[in-house]
Amino acid sequence: MKKISKRVSALLGTLLMVVALTGCGSNASGSNSSSKSSTGNLASKQVLNWVTTAEIPTADSVKEYDTVSSEQIDIFAEGLYKINGKNDPVPALAAGKPQPTNSAKTQYIINLKKGLKWSNGAPLTANDFVFAWRRLFDPKTAAQNASVYFNIKNAQAISEGKKSVDQLGIKALSDTKLQIDLINPDPYFEEKLSSENLFPQNEKFVNSKGSKYGSSSADTLSNGPFVLTDWDGTGLTWKYVKNKYYWDKKNIHLNQINVQVLKNTSTGVNLFQAGKTDAAPLDGDFVKQFQKDPRYHNVLALRATNLEFGTSSNKYLQNENLRKAISLSINREQLVNNVLDDGSRAATGIIPKGIAKSPVDGKDFTEVAGNQSPYNKAEATQLWNKAKKELGTSKIAFTLLTDDSTGAGNVGQYLQSQIESALPGVTINISNVPAKVRFQKMMSYKFDLALGGWTGDFDPVSFPQQFYSTFEHNHAQFKDANYDKLIDKINSPADLKNLEQRWNDLLAAQKYLLDRAVVVPLDQGSENYLINPKVKGIVTHNLGAPFDITRAYLVK
């Protein structure tokens, strides 16, 4: 779940900035907002050469749990709604807004557009949503984001194996009409329906592929603007071709998108400068070099980067003083200014700046909470000395997992230097691995330290909620009954109806975690890219995939 909208701002003071790189193409409802002067100057060859920084972990929308996968899935697939360039949820496959059928707003009817098709020409119907949603909560699927949607009636009981999937709160009343039942009213319901995990899936195709579904382009079916091709599941290149069956194909100008993984920033810049790619991600010194270049674009993301502890699998990390010492040893201001130097913000807590404002005085969450992740080398050393006595050892070695990209490698080396300097006797060994491997190791809960990230939901509780005892992405396997009760309260109808109390509970939840050093917040990320000025129609978003390129086009 990687997007956000103005409605959140109205309800919980959420702030999101959306910056259009150039003139927008058509929005998700199908109206064409491109100016005639732009589209009338289209280049004869509509092929975009795009880049990403990591391999695709999965193309299965139900199993998607990371920003790398979601960024790619959004190109070849689509759900009921989509967040547009004005931060509003607008109909994609839906024909209009969800219509509540009761005063409690726990049941909705959603009509689909008529004549929808899959990329193989098969009809796309309401039953495709029923199948996908049931698969999402089926325990056999083991979808890692399933718990995010437990407000759908019976979803949790199904996920826990207590009820059958046919009891899920979704019904196909006809080929073009869905009924959705919720447990509690949800102020973010329409926004959540834009999430990749809730995209439709074709039952016949998925069942024919079995466990291979979403593992390669041949084993994936598209319903979005483009069709995924030439992806073998592990390769560093793949393509998208225009989907001739897409409902809004008249407003899709690109005929093909070529994607390649670039893990080395210097290589990416060189390819961009040589005209071989239309974009290049930047970090470190390259941001300094190109900050005044008109091709440079920067967006502060609502994405948290954390140093995560494999607490459940490493006995030393079960020592609270050691965890606190590690957190206090890291100078986050130095990290963002001297290592990242890309517009990122030093983290002061788990919930990032810009996602929530006080319902009382409008102050940002980070301002009210204050800096709960300070740097204090002297105190770090003192706590390490206490931890050594408690643990009965003066030397400990940890392996730090990072992605094998340039940026992640630089951060890993910085953390290594900071921790080893402040905590003599602690050794940090860095393991740079492909993103997919890091994800797998973290989800096995068997690791020491890992450089992880989290892009939350529309609701700020999605940041502290990742440490709920049964949450799939609780990589530390932190289990605390009092904390679970606090998260349950934040998600309860009582708190949803009393936003001031909910605000106070969010503050309490963050403090509870950081007082125990369950995780080490590092920075709030920023996306930095060079973009070919001849590429128009790209819209950037702060939360989730940084660029929506589906309506992009090239001019002469």
Protein backbone atom coordinates (compact mmCIF):
# COMPACT_ATOMS: atom_id res chain seq x y z
CA MET A 1 0.00 0.00 0.00
CA LYS A 2 1.91 2.92 -1.29
CA LYS A 3 -0.34 5.89 -1.97
CA ILE A 4 -2.15 8.65 -0.09
CA SER A 5 -4.82 11.31 -0.70
CA LYS A 6 -6.22 14.62 0.48
CA ARG A 7 -9.03 12.85 2.29
CA VAL A 8 -6.51 11.65 4.84
CA SER A 9 -5.52 15.26 5.44
CA ALA A 10 -9.10 16.17 6.18
CA LEU A 11 -9.51 13.30 8.62
CA LEU A 12 -6.15 12.98 10.35
CA GLY A 13 -4.25 15.99 9.11
CA THR A 14 -2.29 14.03 6.55
CA LEU A 15 -0.19 16.11 4.18
CA LEU A 16 1.02 14.95 0.82
CA MET A 17 2.71 16.92 -1.90
CA VAL A 18 2.38 15.71 -5.44
CA VAL A 19 4.65 17.30 -7.99
CA ALA A 20 4.10 16.94 -11.70
CA LEU A 21 7.35 16.69 -13.57
CA THR A 22 5.62 17.85 -16.70
CA GLY A 23 2.08 18.14 -18.01
CA CYS A 24 -0.02 15.22 -16.85
CA GLY A 25 -1.46 12.74 -19.29
CA SER A 26 -4.97 11.44 -18.84
CA ASN A 27 -6.00 10.72 -15.29
CA ALA A 28 -7.28 7.34 -14.17
CA SER A 29 -10.90 8.18 -14.94
CA GLY A 30 -10.01 8.40 -18.59
CA SER A 31 -10.26 12.11 -19.30
CA ASN A 32 -7.30 13.45 -21.22
CA SER A 33 -5.62 16.37 -19.43
CA SER A 34 -2.67 16.59 -21.83
CA SER A 35 -2.58 19.84 -23.71
CA LYS A 36 -3.01 19.73 -27.46
CA SER A 37 0.30 21.52 -27.87
CA SER A 38 2.08 18.70 -26.02
CA THR A 39 0.41 15.68 -27.56
CA GLY A 40 0.37 17.34 -30.95
CA ASN A 41 4.15 17.37 -30.85
CA LEU A 42 4.55 13.65 -30.20
CA ALA A 43 7.76 11.98 -31.29
CA SER A 44 7.32 9.35 -33.98
CA LYS A 45 8.93 6.70 -31.77
CA GLN A 46 7.10 6.24 -28.48
CA VAL A 47 9.55 4.01 -26.60
CA LEU A 48 10.61 4.89 -23.06
CA ASN A 49 13.90 3.58 -21.69
CA TRP A 50 13.30 3.45 -17.94
CA VAL A 51 15.33 2.28 -14.95
CA THR A 52 14.87 0.80 -11.50
CA THR A 53 17.35 -0.03 -8.76
CA ALA A 54 16.46 -3.65 -7.94
CA GLU A 55 15.07 -6.87 -9.41
CA ILE A 56 11.33 -7.57 -9.14
CA PRO A 57 10.66 -9.76 -6.07
CA THR A 58 7.21 -10.76 -7.37
CA ALA A 59 4.69 -9.81 -10.05
CA ASP A 60 1.85 -11.44 -8.08
CA SER A 61 -0.28 -8.51 -6.85
CA VAL A 62 -1.77 -10.57 -4.02
CA LYS A 63 1.68 -11.45 -2.67
CA GLU A 64 3.27 -8.03 -3.30
CA TYR A 65 4.68 -6.50 -0.14
CA ASP A 66 7.41 -4.09 -1.24
CA THR A 67 7.82 -0.87 -3.19
CA VAL A 68 10.00 -2.50 -5.86
CA SER A 69 7.22 -4.91 -6.86
CA SER A 70 4.41 -2.36 -6.50
CA GLU A 71 6.21 0.12 -8.76
CA GLN A 72 6.26 -2.45 -11.56
CA ILE A 73 2.80 -3.93 -10.92
CA ASP A 74 1.26 -0.47 -11.27
CA ILE A 75 2.50 -0.38 -14.87
CA PHE A 76 0.83 -3.60 -16.04
CA ALA A 77 -2.11 -3.94 -13.64
CA GLU A 78 -4.90 -1.83 -12.22
CA GLY A 79 -7.51 -1.96 -9.47
CA LEU A 80 -10.84 -0.36 -8.71
CA TYR A 81 -9.32 3.05 -8.01
CA LYS A 82 -6.11 4.94 -8.58
CA ILE A 83 -4.59 7.98 -6.86
CA ASN A 84 -4.36 10.79 -9.40
CA GLY A 85 -2.06 13.79 -9.66
CA LYS A 86 -4.30 15.81 -7.34
CA ASN A 87 -4.01 13.19 -4.56
CA ASP A 88 -7.60 12.05 -4.97
CA PRO A 89 -8.78 8.47 -5.50
CA VAL A 90 -10.45 8.29 -8.90
CA PRO A 91 -12.17 5.40 -10.66
CA ALA A 92 -9.91 3.07 -12.63
CA LEU A 93 -11.79 -0.20 -13.24
CA ALA A 94 -14.68 1.12 -11.15
CA ALA A 95 -17.42 3.06 -12.93
CA GLY A 96 -17.87 5.51 -10.07
CA LYS A 97 -17.47 6.03 -6.35
CA PRO A 98 -18.32 3.32 -3.77
CA GLN A 99 -21.95 3.66 -2.71
CA PRO A 100 -22.73 2.94 0.97
CA THR A 101 -25.89 0.90 1.53
CA ASN A 102 -26.24 1.54 5.26
CA SER A 103 -25.87 4.49 7.63
CA ALA A 104 -22.96 2.78 9.43
CA LYS A 105 -21.01 2.77 6.15
CA THR A 106 -19.94 -0.82 6.58
CA GLN A 107 -21.40 -2.08 3.30
CA TYR A 108 -20.73 -0.70 -0.17
CA ILE A 109 -21.77 -1.37 -3.75
CA ILE A 110 -19.21 -0.72 -6.48
CA ASN A 111 -20.04 -0.90 -10.18
CA LEU A 112 -17.36 -1.81 -12.71
CA LYS A 113 -16.88 -0.34 -16.14
CA LYS A 114 -18.47 -2.44 -18.86
CA GLY A 115 -16.42 -4.33 -21.40
CA LEU A 116 -13.24 -4.71 -19.31
CA LYS A 117 -10.76 -7.32 -20.55
CA TRP A 118 -7.55 -9.05 -19.59
CA SER A 119 -4.52 -8.81 -21.85
CA ASN A 120 -5.36 -12.25 -23.29
CA GLY A 121 -8.80 -10.98 -24.34
CA ALA A 122 -10.74 -12.74 -21.57
CA PRO A 123 -13.52 -10.72 -19.90
CA LEU A 124 -12.61 -9.05 -16.60
CA THR A 125 -15.55 -9.29 -14.21
CA ALA A 126 -16.49 -8.75 -10.58
CA ASN A 127 -15.68 -12.41 -9.96
CA ASP A 128 -12.00 -11.64 -10.64
CA PHE A 129 -11.99 -9.39 -7.58
CA VAL A 130 -13.74 -12.01 -5.48
CA PHE A 131 -11.17 -14.62 -6.50
CA ALA A 132 -8.17 -12.33 -5.85
CA TRP A 133 -9.42 -11.16 -2.45
CA ARG A 134 -10.21 -14.67 -1.32
CA ARG A 135 -6.73 -15.73 -2.42
CA LEU A 136 -5.24 -12.81 -0.47
CA PHE A 137 -6.65 -14.13 2.82
CA ASP A 138 -6.36 -17.85 2.10
CA PRO A 139 -3.75 -19.17 4.59
CA LYS A 140 -2.29 -21.29 1.77
CA THR A 141 -1.27 -18.13 -0.10
CA ALA A 142 0.69 -16.75 2.87
CA ALA A 143 0.27 -13.18 1.59
CA GLN A 144 2.46 -11.00 3.76
CA ASN A 145 0.22 -7.92 3.63
CA ALA A 146 -3.04 -9.75 4.40
CA SER A 147 -3.41 -8.32 7.90
CA VAL A 148 -3.47 -4.76 6.51
CA TYR A 149 -6.98 -5.46 5.21
CA PHE A 150 -8.49 -7.26 8.20
CA ASN A 151 -11.30 -4.70 8.36
CA ILE A 152 -12.96 -6.61 5.50
CA LYS A 153 -15.58 -8.84 7.07
CA ASN A 154 -14.23 -12.27 8.10
CA ALA A 155 -10.79 -11.54 6.57
CA GLN A 156 -8.88 -12.20 9.79
CA ALA A 157 -10.80 -15.36 10.65
CA ILE A 158 -10.15 -16.72 7.14
CA SER A 159 -6.48 -15.82 7.34
CA GLU A 160 -6.24 -17.68 10.64
CA GLY A 161 -7.95 -20.74 9.19
CA LYS A 162 -11.10 -20.32 11.29
CA LYS A 163 -13.50 -19.67 8.39
CA SER A 164 -13.68 -20.65 4.74
CA VAL A 165 -12.76 -18.19 2.01
CA ASP A 166 -16.33 -18.10 0.68
CA GLN A 167 -17.34 -16.25 3.86
CA LEU A 168 -15.20 -13.21 2.98
CA GLY A 169 -17.04 -9.90 2.86
CA ILE A 170 -17.05 -9.55 -0.92
CA LYS A 171 -19.68 -10.74 -3.39
CA ALA A 172 -20.16 -10.48 -7.12
CA LEU A 173 -23.81 -9.45 -7.51
CA SER A 174 -23.32 -9.52 -11.28
CA ASP A 175 -20.43 -9.37 -13.76
CA THR A 176 -20.18 -5.62 -13.14
CA LYS A 177 -21.36 -5.16 -9.55
CA LEU A 178 -19.50 -5.84 -6.30
CA GLN A 179 -20.75 -5.81 -2.73
CA ILE A 180 -18.14 -5.26 -0.02
CA ASP A 181 -18.79 -5.68 3.71
CA LEU A 182 -16.56 -4.15 6.39
CA ILE A 183 -16.35 -4.74 10.13
CA ASN A 184 -15.95 -1.07 11.02
CA PRO A 185 -16.42 2.12 9.01
CA ASP A 186 -13.16 3.09 7.31
CA PRO A 187 -12.35 6.73 6.51
CA TYR A 188 -9.65 5.50 4.11
CA PHE A 189 -11.74 2.89 2.32
CA GLU A 190 -11.67 4.40 -1.17
CA GLU A 191 -7.94 5.06 -0.98
CA LYS A 192 -7.21 1.52 0.18
CA LEU A 193 -9.05 0.16 -2.85
CA SER A 194 -6.19 1.54 -4.96
CA SER A 195 -3.76 -0.88 -3.30
CA GLU A 196 -2.03 -3.49 -5.46
CA ASN A 197 -2.99 -6.30 -3.08
CA LEU A 198 -6.65 -5.67 -3.93
CA PHE A 199 -6.19 -5.78 -7.71
CA PRO A 200 -8.24 -8.42 -9.59
CA GLN A 201 -6.80 -11.74 -10.77
CA ASN A 202 -8.05 -14.14 -13.44
CA GLU A 203 -8.93 -17.42 -11.69
CA LYS A 204 -8.44 -19.65 -14.73
CA PHE A 205 -5.01 -18.22 -15.54
CA VAL A 206 -3.75 -18.15 -11.94
CA ASN A 207 -4.85 -21.72 -11.29
CA SER A 208 -3.23 -22.90 -14.52
CA LYS A 209 0.12 -21.47 -13.33
CA GLY A 210 -0.14 -22.65 -9.72
CA SER A 211 2.80 -21.63 -7.54
CA LYS A 212 4.57 -20.17 -10.61
CA TYR A 213 2.06 -17.35 -10.99
CA GLY A 214 3.80 -13.96 -10.95
CA SER A 215 7.28 -15.49 -11.17
CA SER A 216 7.92 -14.51 -14.81
CA SER A 217 6.19 -12.58 -17.57
CA ALA A 218 4.96 -15.84 -19.12
CA ASP A 219 3.33 -16.67 -15.79
CA THR A 220 1.70 -13.26 -15.30
CA LEU A 221 -1.50 -11.82 -16.78
CA SER A 222 -1.98 -8.08 -17.26
CA ASN A 223 -5.03 -5.84 -17.13
CA GLY A 224 -3.38 -2.41 -17.00
CA PRO A 225 -2.05 0.00 -19.62
CA PHE A 226 0.84 -2.31 -20.51
CA VAL A 227 1.69 -6.01 -20.71
CA LEU A 228 4.77 -7.34 -18.92
CA THR A 229 7.12 -9.19 -21.30
CA ASP A 230 10.67 -10.59 -21.47
CA TRP A 231 11.01 -11.06 -17.70
CA ASP A 232 12.44 -14.40 -16.59
CA GLY A 233 11.90 -13.78 -12.88
CA THR A 234 15.49 -12.97 -11.98
CA GLY A 235 16.86 -10.92 -14.87
CA LEU A 236 17.98 -7.33 -14.83
CA THR A 237 15.93 -6.28 -17.87
CA TRP A 238 12.31 -6.60 -18.98
CA LYS A 239 9.79 -4.80 -21.19
CA TYR A 240 6.24 -3.53 -21.27
CA VAL A 241 4.20 -3.30 -24.46
CA LYS A 242 0.96 -1.41 -24.90
CA ASN A 243 -2.10 -3.46 -23.92
CA LYS A 244 -4.51 -3.48 -26.86
CA TYR A 245 -7.36 -4.55 -24.58
CA TYR A 246 -6.89 -1.79 -21.96
CA TRP A 247 -10.07 0.21 -21.39
CA ASP A 248 -8.27 3.59 -21.74
CA LYS A 249 -5.81 2.65 -24.50
CA LYS A 250 -6.60 5.78 -26.52
CA ASN A 251 -4.84 7.83 -23.84
CA ILE A 252 -1.77 5.59 -23.67
CA HIS A 253 0.85 7.07 -25.97
CA LEU A 254 3.86 4.85 -25.29
CA ASN A 255 4.10 1.70 -27.37
CA GLN A 256 6.87 0.15 -25.29
CA ILE A 257 8.80 0.65 -22.06
CA ASN A 258 12.23 -0.94 -21.70
CA VAL A 259 13.32 -1.37 -18.09
CA GLN A 260 16.77 -2.19 -16.77
CA VAL A 261 18.08 -2.55 -13.23
CA LEU A 262 20.90 -0.14 -12.42
CA LYS A 263 22.55 -0.75 -9.08
CA ASN A 264 25.53 1.49 -9.70
CA THR A 265 24.72 5.20 -9.76
CA SER A 266 27.73 6.10 -11.91
CA THR A 267 26.72 3.57 -14.56
CA GLY A 268 23.20 4.98 -14.60
CA VAL A 269 24.40 8.55 -15.04
CA ASN A 270 26.76 7.56 -17.84
CA LEU A 271 23.97 5.74 -19.69
CA PHE A 272 21.66 8.73 -19.26
CA GLN A 273 24.28 11.19 -20.48
CA ALA A 274 24.88 8.97 -23.51
CA GLY A 275 21.16 9.05 -24.32
CA LYS A 276 20.68 5.33 -23.70
CA THR A 277 18.16 5.80 -20.89
CA ASP A 278 15.49 8.41 -20.22
CA ALA A 279 16.11 8.49 -16.47
CA ALA A 280 18.85 7.93 -13.91
CA PRO A 281 18.56 7.62 -10.12
CA LEU A 282 20.97 9.83 -8.19
CA ASP A 283 22.53 9.69 -4.75
CA GLY A 284 25.43 11.18 -2.80
CA ASP A 285 27.83 13.34 -4.80
CA PHE A 286 25.75 12.97 -7.95
CA VAL A 287 22.92 14.88 -6.28
CA LYS A 288 25.32 17.74 -5.58
CA GLN A 289 26.58 17.62 -9.15
CA PHE A 290 23.15 17.85 -10.78
CA GLN A 291 21.06 19.84 -8.27
CA LYS A 292 20.97 22.90 -10.55
CA ASP A 293 20.48 20.91 -13.74
CA PRO A 294 16.98 21.42 -15.22
CA ARG A 295 16.78 17.66 -15.73
CA TYR A 296 17.08 17.06 -11.97
CA HIS A 297 13.97 16.19 -9.92
CA ASN A 298 13.65 15.57 -6.18
CA VAL A 299 10.69 14.33 -4.12
CA LEU A 300 10.68 13.83 -0.33
CA ALA A 301 9.07 10.45 0.19
CA LEU A 302 6.84 9.29 3.02
CA ARG A 303 9.17 6.34 3.37
CA ALA A 304 11.11 5.39 6.48
CA THR A 305 14.53 3.72 6.36
CA ASN A 306 15.36 1.79 9.51
CA LEU A 307 18.09 -0.34 10.97
CA GLU A 308 16.15 -3.45 11.93
CA PHE A 309 17.04 -5.98 14.60
CA GLY A 310 16.74 -9.74 14.21
CA THR A 311 15.91 -9.87 17.90
CA SER A 312 14.22 -13.25 17.89
CA SER A 313 17.21 -15.01 16.29
CA ASN A 314 20.10 -13.24 18.05
CA LYS A 315 20.35 -13.58 21.83
CA TYR A 316 22.60 -10.53 22.18
CA LEU A 317 20.04 -8.25 20.53
CA GLN A 318 17.49 -9.29 23.14
CA ASN A 319 19.43 -7.03 25.49
CA GLU A 320 17.68 -3.65 25.61
CA ASN A 321 20.77 -1.71 26.63
CA LEU A 322 22.68 -3.02 23.62
CA ARG A 323 19.88 -2.02 21.25
CA LYS A 324 19.70 1.44 22.82
CA ALA A 325 23.47 1.79 22.53
CA ILE A 326 23.35 0.98 18.82
CA SER A 327 20.61 3.55 18.25
CA LEU A 328 22.43 6.29 20.18
CA SER A 329 25.69 5.60 18.30
CA ILE A 330 24.30 6.78 14.95
CA ASN A 331 24.55 10.42 13.93
CA ARG A 332 21.54 10.74 11.63
CA GLU A 333 22.20 14.36 10.67
CA GLN A 334 25.63 13.35 9.45
CA LEU A 335 24.07 10.41 7.63
CA VAL A 336 21.65 12.54 5.61
CA ASN A 337 24.00 15.49 5.06
CA ASN A 338 27.30 13.76 4.34
CA VAL A 339 26.45 10.23 3.21
CA LEU A 340 23.07 10.43 1.53
CA ASP A 341 23.16 14.16 0.73
CA ASP A 342 20.06 13.75 -1.38
CA GLY A 343 17.37 15.76 0.35
CA SER A 344 16.54 13.00 2.83
CA ARG A 345 15.52 13.99 6.35
CA ALA A 346 17.11 12.68 9.56
CA ALA A 347 14.54 10.46 11.26
CA THR A 348 13.28 11.60 14.66
CA GLY A 349 10.89 8.71 15.13
CA ILE A 350 9.02 5.92 13.40
CA ILE A 351 6.24 8.02 11.87
CA PRO A 352 7.71 10.32 9.17
CA LYS A 353 7.16 14.01 8.68
CA GLY A 354 4.19 14.97 6.53
CA ILE A 355 1.83 12.06 7.07
CA ALA A 356 -0.11 13.29 10.11
CA LYS A 357 -1.07 16.61 11.67
CA SER A 358 -2.68 17.20 15.03
CA PRO A 359 -6.49 17.46 14.90
CA VAL A 360 -6.18 20.10 17.63
CA ASP A 361 -3.59 22.62 16.43
CA GLY A 362 -2.43 21.32 13.04
CA LYS A 363 1.15 20.67 14.15
CA ASP A 364 3.01 17.89 12.37
CA PHE A 365 3.39 14.62 14.26
CA THR A 366 7.18 14.89 14.25
CA GLU A 367 7.04 18.36 15.80
CA VAL A 368 4.76 17.25 18.63
CA ALA A 369 6.65 14.01 19.31
CA GLY A 370 10.08 15.67 19.24
CA ASN A 371 13.34 13.89 18.52
CA GLN A 372 13.00 10.40 19.95
CA SER A 373 16.00 9.04 18.01
CA PRO A 374 18.89 11.24 19.19
CA TYR A 375 22.64 10.82 18.73
CA ASN A 376 24.73 10.58 21.89
CA LYS A 377 28.00 8.72 21.54
CA ALA A 378 28.97 9.04 25.21
CA GLU A 379 25.66 7.61 26.42
CA ALA A 380 25.91 4.86 23.78
CA THR A 381 29.28 3.81 25.18
CA GLN A 382 27.92 3.82 28.74
CA LEU A 383 24.97 1.59 27.78
CA TRP A 384 27.32 -0.73 25.89
CA ASN A 385 29.39 -1.13 29.07
CA LYS A 386 26.23 -2.08 30.97
CA ALA A 387 25.24 -4.51 28.22
CA LYS A 388 28.66 -6.20 28.34
CA LYS A 389 28.21 -6.96 32.03
CA GLU A 390 24.65 -8.21 31.51
CA LEU A 391 25.66 -10.40 28.57
CA GLY A 392 28.91 -11.62 30.04
CA THR A 393 30.96 -10.79 26.96
CA SER A 394 33.00 -7.88 25.63
CA LYS A 395 33.07 -8.88 21.96
CA ILE A 396 30.12 -9.42 19.62
CA ALA A 397 30.00 -9.72 15.83
CA PHE A 398 26.90 -8.95 13.79
CA THR A 399 26.15 -9.33 10.08
CA LEU A 400 24.40 -6.32 8.54
CA LEU A 401 22.24 -7.08 5.48
CA THR A 402 21.94 -4.39 2.82
CA ASP A 403 20.90 -4.31 -0.82
CA ASP A 404 23.73 -4.50 -3.36
CA SER A 405 23.11 -0.98 -4.67
CA THR A 406 25.62 1.85 -4.34
CA GLY A 407 23.44 3.87 -1.98
CA ALA A 408 22.67 0.99 0.36
CA GLY A 409 26.33 0.00 0.39
CA ASN A 410 27.36 3.51 1.42
CA VAL A 411 24.83 3.59 4.25
CA GLY A 412 25.95 0.15 5.43
CA GLN A 413 29.57 1.29 5.61
CA TYR A 414 28.58 4.42 7.52
CA LEU A 415 26.58 2.42 10.08
CA GLN A 416 29.51 0.03 10.44
CA SER A 417 31.87 2.92 11.20
CA GLN A 418 29.50 4.63 13.65
CA ILE A 419 28.65 1.54 15.67
CA GLU A 420 32.17 0.12 15.84
CA SER A 421 33.55 3.53 16.87
CA ALA A 422 31.09 4.09 19.71
CA LEU A 423 30.92 0.48 20.88
CA PRO A 424 34.46 -0.98 21.05
CA GLY A 425 34.23 -4.74 20.82
CA VAL A 426 31.26 -4.75 18.45
CA THR A 427 32.14 -5.86 14.91
CA ILE A 428 29.81 -5.24 11.98
CA ASN A 429 30.26 -7.46 8.92
CA ILE A 430 28.39 -6.19 5.87
CA SER A 431 26.56 -8.54 3.52
CA ASN A 432 25.48 -6.80 0.27
CA VAL A 433 22.85 -8.95 -1.44
CA PRO A 434 20.13 -8.51 -4.10
CA ALA A 435 16.96 -6.93 -2.72
CA LYS A 436 15.00 -10.15 -3.19
CA VAL A 437 17.50 -12.08 -1.06
CA ARG A 438 17.40 -9.44 1.68
CA PHE A 439 13.59 -9.58 1.71
CA GLN A 440 13.66 -13.35 2.02
CA LYS A 441 16.16 -13.34 4.88
CA MET A 442 14.24 -10.68 6.77
CA MET A 443 10.97 -12.53 6.30
CA SER A 444 12.58 -15.70 7.65
CA TYR A 445 13.22 -13.70 10.86
CA LYS A 446 16.72 -15.18 10.94
CA PHE A 447 19.19 -12.33 10.64
CA ASP A 448 21.24 -10.02 12.86
CA LEU A 449 20.88 -6.51 11.47
CA ALA A 450 19.25 -5.33 8.26
CA LEU A 451 18.88 -2.04 6.45
CA GLY A 452 15.14 -2.04 5.83
CA GLY A 453 12.48 0.39 4.74
CA TRP A 454 8.80 0.92 5.22
CA THR A 455 6.29 2.83 3.14
CA GLY A 456 3.11 2.99 5.12
CA ASP A 457 -0.55 2.99 4.30
CA PHE A 458 -2.90 5.97 4.09
CA ASP A 459 -3.22 5.77 7.85
CA PRO A 460 -0.20 6.79 10.03
CA VAL A 461 -0.83 3.78 12.28
CA SER A 462 0.61 1.66 9.45
CA PHE A 463 4.10 2.68 10.61
CA PRO A 464 3.92 1.53 14.27
CA GLN A 465 1.59 -1.32 13.34
CA GLN A 466 4.44 -3.21 11.67
CA PHE A 467 5.61 -4.15 15.19
CA TYR A 468 2.29 -5.73 16.20
CA SER A 469 3.02 -9.23 17.47
CA THR A 470 1.33 -11.10 14.60
CA PHE A 471 2.13 -8.67 11.78
CA GLU A 472 4.01 -10.40 8.98
CA HIS A 473 6.62 -7.64 8.68
CA ASN A 474 7.42 -7.61 12.37
CA HIS A 475 10.93 -8.74 11.47
CA ALA A 476 12.19 -8.44 15.05
CA GLN A 477 9.30 -10.68 16.19
CA PHE A 478 8.62 -8.13 18.92
CA LYS A 479 5.81 -9.46 21.08
CA ASP A 480 4.27 -7.29 23.77
CA ALA A 481 0.67 -7.64 24.93
CA ASN A 482 0.47 -4.05 26.16
CA TYR A 483 1.68 -2.73 22.81
CA ASP A 484 -0.79 -4.92 20.92
CA LYS A 485 -3.63 -3.51 23.04
CA LEU A 486 -2.51 0.02 22.19
CA ILE A 487 -2.50 -0.71 18.45
CA ASP A 488 -5.89 -2.44 18.77
CA LYS A 489 -7.24 0.69 20.44
CA ILE A 490 -5.91 2.94 17.68
CA ASN A 491 -7.70 0.75 15.14
CA SER A 492 -10.93 0.55 17.14
CA PRO A 493 -14.16 2.35 16.22
CA ALA A 494 -13.82 4.40 19.43
CA ASP A 495 -10.50 5.93 18.35
CA LEU A 496 -11.64 6.35 14.75
CA LYS A 497 -14.53 8.44 16.03
CA ASN A 498 -12.34 10.42 18.45
CA LEU A 499 -9.38 11.65 16.44
CA GLU A 500 -7.85 13.60 19.33
CA GLN A 501 -7.65 10.45 21.44
CA ARG A 502 -6.33 8.52 18.45
CA TRP A 503 -3.62 11.13 18.01
CA ASN A 504 -2.52 10.72 21.63
CA ASP A 505 -2.48 6.95 21.25
CA LEU A 506 -0.29 7.23 18.14
CA LEU A 507 2.17 9.35 20.12
CA ALA A 508 2.13 6.77 22.92
CA ALA A 509 2.71 3.88 20.50
CA GLN A 510 5.79 5.46 18.95
CA LYS A 511 7.24 6.33 22.37
CA TYR A 512 6.61 2.78 23.63
CA LEU A 513 8.64 1.30 20.78
CA LEU A 514 11.52 3.76 20.88
CA ASP A 515 11.83 3.64 24.68
CA ARG A 516 12.62 -0.05 24.15
CA ALA A 517 14.72 0.47 21.01
CA VAL A 518 12.70 -2.09 19.10
CA VAL A 519 13.93 -0.53 15.85
CA VAL A 520 16.40 2.21 14.88
CA PRO A 521 14.87 4.92 12.65
CA LEU A 522 17.50 6.34 10.29
CA ASP A 523 16.05 8.66 7.68
CA GLN A 524 13.03 9.74 5.72
CA GLY A 525 13.96 9.08 2.14
CA SER A 526 14.06 11.26 -0.90
CA GLU A 527 13.88 10.27 -4.56
CA ASN A 528 16.38 11.96 -6.86
CA TYR A 529 16.38 11.43 -10.61
CA LEU A 530 17.55 12.88 -13.86
CA ILE A 531 14.69 12.83 -16.37
CA ASN A 532 14.91 13.35 -20.12
CA PRO A 533 13.17 16.72 -20.77
CA LYS A 534 11.54 15.21 -23.85
CA VAL A 535 9.57 12.84 -21.61
CA LYS A 536 6.26 14.42 -20.64
CA GLY A 537 3.24 13.26 -18.68
CA ILE A 538 5.05 11.81 -15.65
CA VAL A 539 3.46 12.42 -12.25
CA THR A 540 5.45 11.96 -9.03
CA HIS A 541 4.05 10.93 -5.67
CA ASN A 542 5.68 11.13 -2.25
CA LEU A 543 4.31 7.82 -0.98
CA GLY A 544 5.01 4.57 -2.80
CA ALA A 545 6.31 4.37 -6.33
CA PRO A 546 8.00 7.72 -7.04
CA PHE A 547 6.82 7.95 -10.65
CA ASP A 548 3.64 7.12 -12.50
CA ILE A 549 4.86 6.66 -16.07
CA THR A 550 1.77 4.97 -17.52
CA ARG A 551 0.53 8.15 -19.24
CA ALA A 552 3.98 9.41 -20.21
CA TYR A 553 4.90 10.31 -23.78
CA LEU A 554 7.87 11.64 -25.74
CA VAL A 555 7.88 14.85 -27.71
CA LYS A 556 10.04 15.85 -30.65
